[in-house]
Protein backbone atom coordinates (compact mmCIF):
# COMPACT_ATOMS: atom_id res chain seq x y z
CA UNK A 1 -70.49 18.17 -18.10
CA UNK A 2 -71.30 14.84 -16.23
CA UNK A 3 -70.91 11.58 -16.94
CA UNK A 4 -74.42 10.68 -19.46
CA UNK A 5 -72.61 13.53 -21.60
CA UNK A 6 -68.97 11.57 -22.45
CA UNK A 7 -70.06 10.50 -25.19
CA UNK A 8 -70.19 13.65 -26.65
CA UNK A 9 -66.80 14.33 -25.56
CA UNK A 10 -64.45 14.68 -28.85
CA UNK A 11 -60.77 13.47 -28.31
CA UNK A 12 -58.74 11.87 -25.63
CA UNK A 13 -57.63 15.21 -24.26
CA UNK A 14 -60.87 16.20 -23.33
CA UNK A 15 -61.90 13.24 -21.81
CA UNK A 16 -58.39 12.80 -19.60
CA UNK A 17 -59.88 16.99 -18.16
CA UNK A 18 -63.23 15.53 -17.38
CA UNK A 19 -61.63 12.78 -15.44
CA UNK A 20 -59.19 14.93 -14.23
CA UNK A 21 -61.28 17.29 -12.54
CA UNK A 22 -63.96 14.53 -10.32
CA UNK A 23 -60.03 13.00 -9.37
CA UNK A 24 -59.90 16.44 -8.10
CA UNK A 25 -62.60 17.33 -6.40
CA UNK A 26 -62.73 13.85 -4.90
CA UNK A 27 -59.32 14.37 -3.93
CA UNK A 28 -60.73 17.55 -2.55
CA UNK A 29 -62.95 15.62 -0.10
CA UNK A 30 -60.45 13.34 1.01
CA UNK A 31 -58.18 15.44 2.25
CA UNK A 32 -60.32 17.53 3.73
CA UNK A 33 -61.78 13.87 5.61
CA UNK A 34 -58.06 12.85 6.77
CA UNK A 35 -58.00 16.65 7.79
CA UNK A 36 -61.19 15.80 9.91
CA UNK A 37 -59.25 12.93 11.65
CA UNK A 38 -55.31 14.02 11.73
CA UNK A 39 -57.50 17.01 14.01
CA UNK A 40 -59.16 14.12 16.37
CA UNK A 41 -55.33 12.02 16.46
CA UNK A 42 -54.05 15.80 17.79
CA UNK A 43 -56.66 16.31 19.81
CA UNK A 44 -56.37 12.79 21.70
CA UNK A 45 -52.00 12.64 21.21
CA UNK A 46 -51.21 15.73 21.73
CA UNK A 47 -54.27 18.03 23.81
CA UNK A 48 -55.25 15.15 26.20
CA UNK A 49 -52.43 15.59 28.77
CA UNK A 50 -52.56 16.84 32.26
CA UNK A 51 -49.70 19.34 33.25
CA UNK A 52 -48.33 18.44 36.92
CA UNK A 53 -48.95 20.95 39.45
CA UNK A 54 -51.18 23.14 36.48
CA UNK A 55 -54.04 22.19 37.59
CA UNK A 56 -55.05 25.67 38.95
CA UNK A 57 -54.37 26.88 36.56
CA UNK A 58 -57.17 27.26 33.60
CA UNK A 59 -54.70 25.85 30.73
CA UNK A 60 -53.23 22.42 32.70
CA UNK A 61 -55.58 19.95 32.14
CA UNK A 62 -56.49 17.62 29.10
CA UNK A 63 -58.45 19.58 27.05
CA UNK A 64 -59.12 23.08 28.49
CA UNK A 65 -60.72 25.76 26.52
CA UNK A 66 -57.77 27.86 27.72
CA UNK A 67 -54.98 25.83 26.16
CA UNK A 68 -54.01 27.81 22.59
CA UNK A 69 -55.01 25.07 20.38
CA UNK A 70 -52.82 26.50 18.42
CA UNK A 71 -50.63 23.86 16.43
CA UNK A 72 -53.99 21.97 15.30
CA UNK A 73 -54.82 25.43 14.26
CA UNK A 74 -51.82 24.95 11.99
CA UNK A 75 -52.65 22.10 9.76
CA UNK A 76 -54.51 23.58 6.46
CA UNK A 77 -55.54 21.30 3.28
CA UNK A 78 -54.42 22.00 -0.50
CA UNK A 79 -56.43 22.34 -3.37
CA UNK A 80 -55.84 18.85 -5.21
CA UNK A 81 -53.79 20.53 -8.74
CA UNK A 82 -52.10 18.27 -11.60
CA UNK A 83 -48.39 17.30 -11.62
CA UNK A 84 -47.10 16.04 -14.27
CA UNK A 85 -50.10 14.17 -15.18
CA UNK A 86 -51.16 13.35 -11.52
CA UNK A 87 -54.00 14.95 -9.08
CA UNK A 88 -52.23 15.22 -5.95
CA UNK A 89 -52.93 17.27 -2.92
CA UNK A 90 -51.74 17.86 0.45
CA UNK A 91 -52.15 18.65 4.46
CA UNK A 92 -49.19 20.77 5.48
CA UNK A 93 -48.34 23.10 8.66
CA UNK A 94 -48.80 26.64 8.54
CA UNK A 95 -46.02 27.54 11.23
CA UNK A 96 -47.32 31.21 11.26
CA UNK A 97 -50.40 30.82 13.30
CA UNK A 98 -48.52 29.25 16.11
CA UNK A 99 -47.75 32.90 17.32
CA UNK A 100 -47.93 34.75 20.75
CA UNK A 101 -51.11 35.23 22.65
CA UNK A 102 -52.49 36.65 25.84
CA UNK A 103 -52.75 34.82 28.38
CA UNK A 104 -54.33 36.72 31.14
CA UNK A 105 -51.67 36.07 33.32
CA UNK A 106 -49.57 35.94 30.63
CA UNK A 107 -49.47 39.17 28.07
CA UNK A 108 -48.07 38.29 24.99
CA UNK A 109 -46.64 34.78 26.72
CA UNK A 110 -44.74 32.42 23.61
CA UNK A 111 -47.07 29.89 23.09
CA UNK A 112 -44.62 27.85 20.83
CA UNK A 113 -40.93 29.52 20.81
CA UNK A 114 -39.19 26.89 18.22
CA UNK A 115 -42.39 26.43 16.43
CA UNK A 116 -40.18 25.04 13.30
CA UNK A 117 -39.48 22.10 14.72
CA UNK A 118 -42.35 21.61 17.01
CA UNK A 119 -44.22 18.83 15.13
CA UNK A 120 -41.63 16.78 14.85
CA UNK A 121 -40.51 17.67 18.99
CA UNK A 122 -44.50 16.49 19.54
CA UNK A 123 -44.30 13.46 17.68
CA UNK A 124 -40.59 12.53 18.82
CA UNK A 125 -41.37 13.25 22.42
CA UNK A 126 -38.07 15.34 22.82
CA UNK A 127 -35.72 17.92 22.71
CA UNK A 128 -39.20 20.28 23.89
CA UNK A 129 -39.95 21.68 26.79
CA UNK A 130 -44.08 23.47 26.98
CA UNK A 131 -43.57 26.82 28.34
CA UNK A 132 -45.15 27.08 31.98
CA UNK A 133 -45.81 23.56 32.22
CA UNK A 134 -44.64 20.72 33.61
CA UNK A 135 -44.52 17.62 33.25
CA UNK A 136 -43.71 13.44 35.49
CA UNK A 137 -41.83 11.27 33.80
CA UNK A 138 -44.82 9.09 33.12
CA UNK A 139 -47.31 12.40 32.00
CA UNK A 140 -45.67 13.29 29.36
CA UNK A 141 -46.86 13.44 26.11
CA UNK A 142 -46.10 10.63 24.54
CA UNK A 143 -48.18 9.57 21.51
CA UNK A 144 -46.13 10.51 18.24
CA UNK A 145 -49.25 11.75 16.65
CA UNK A 146 -47.54 11.52 13.13
CA UNK A 147 -46.66 8.73 13.12
CA UNK A 148 -50.51 7.95 14.50
CA UNK A 149 -51.86 9.70 11.63
CA UNK A 150 -49.65 8.25 8.76
CA UNK A 151 -51.09 4.61 9.80
CA UNK A 152 -54.94 6.03 10.12
CA UNK A 153 -53.17 6.72 6.15
CA UNK A 154 -52.29 3.74 5.21
CA UNK A 155 -55.33 1.87 6.12
CA UNK A 156 -58.23 3.99 5.16
CA UNK A 157 -56.90 6.12 2.09
CA UNK A 158 -58.08 3.62 -0.46
CA UNK A 159 -61.34 3.04 0.53
CA UNK A 160 -61.82 6.70 1.34
CA UNK A 161 -61.00 8.02 -2.15
CA UNK A 162 -63.09 4.96 -3.75
CA UNK A 163 -65.78 6.73 -1.48
CA UNK A 164 -65.37 9.99 -3.01
CA UNK A 165 -65.03 9.45 -6.52
CA UNK A 166 -68.22 7.34 -6.05
CA UNK A 167 -69.88 11.05 -4.97
CA UNK A 168 -68.43 12.96 -7.26
CA UNK A 169 -69.99 10.38 -10.06
CA UNK A 170 -66.65 8.71 -11.39
CA UNK A 171 -67.91 4.63 -9.72
CA UNK A 172 -64.67 2.70 -8.94
CA UNK A 173 -64.37 -0.59 -8.65
């Protein structure tokens, strides 16, 4: 059904269903864009540091293809749902993605021994040492990736959602 057929809707319930499905589609597009932005922020804030004394290791430098990337891969979107007449969507973390892997030297290397709290540790830069990594005090990752992401969402969500509403056929003012 498109907007031209709206006059054929016989009840408020059908109109509500039509607009809700459009908003849900726009919100799904928006959360996909936001997840891409979160990926970019994680690349910049989490994966761009060097491990002191580990540059000779294949994963010891920024953006190394040998870094597991499991933390970044653990973030996902959930399809928009309707809860109490409100359409909502989520970006959430699936920590089951972070698991042991073989790095060549250490079969079954434990990459994240406290994955339940890893996001908080990284964001707050506290209470966590990455296995095999050594930090100099001024080289330790300092960027609060989640705080940076929330600031991005706060500054861009309205514009992104309006743009995506237009993509699905809802003209917003």
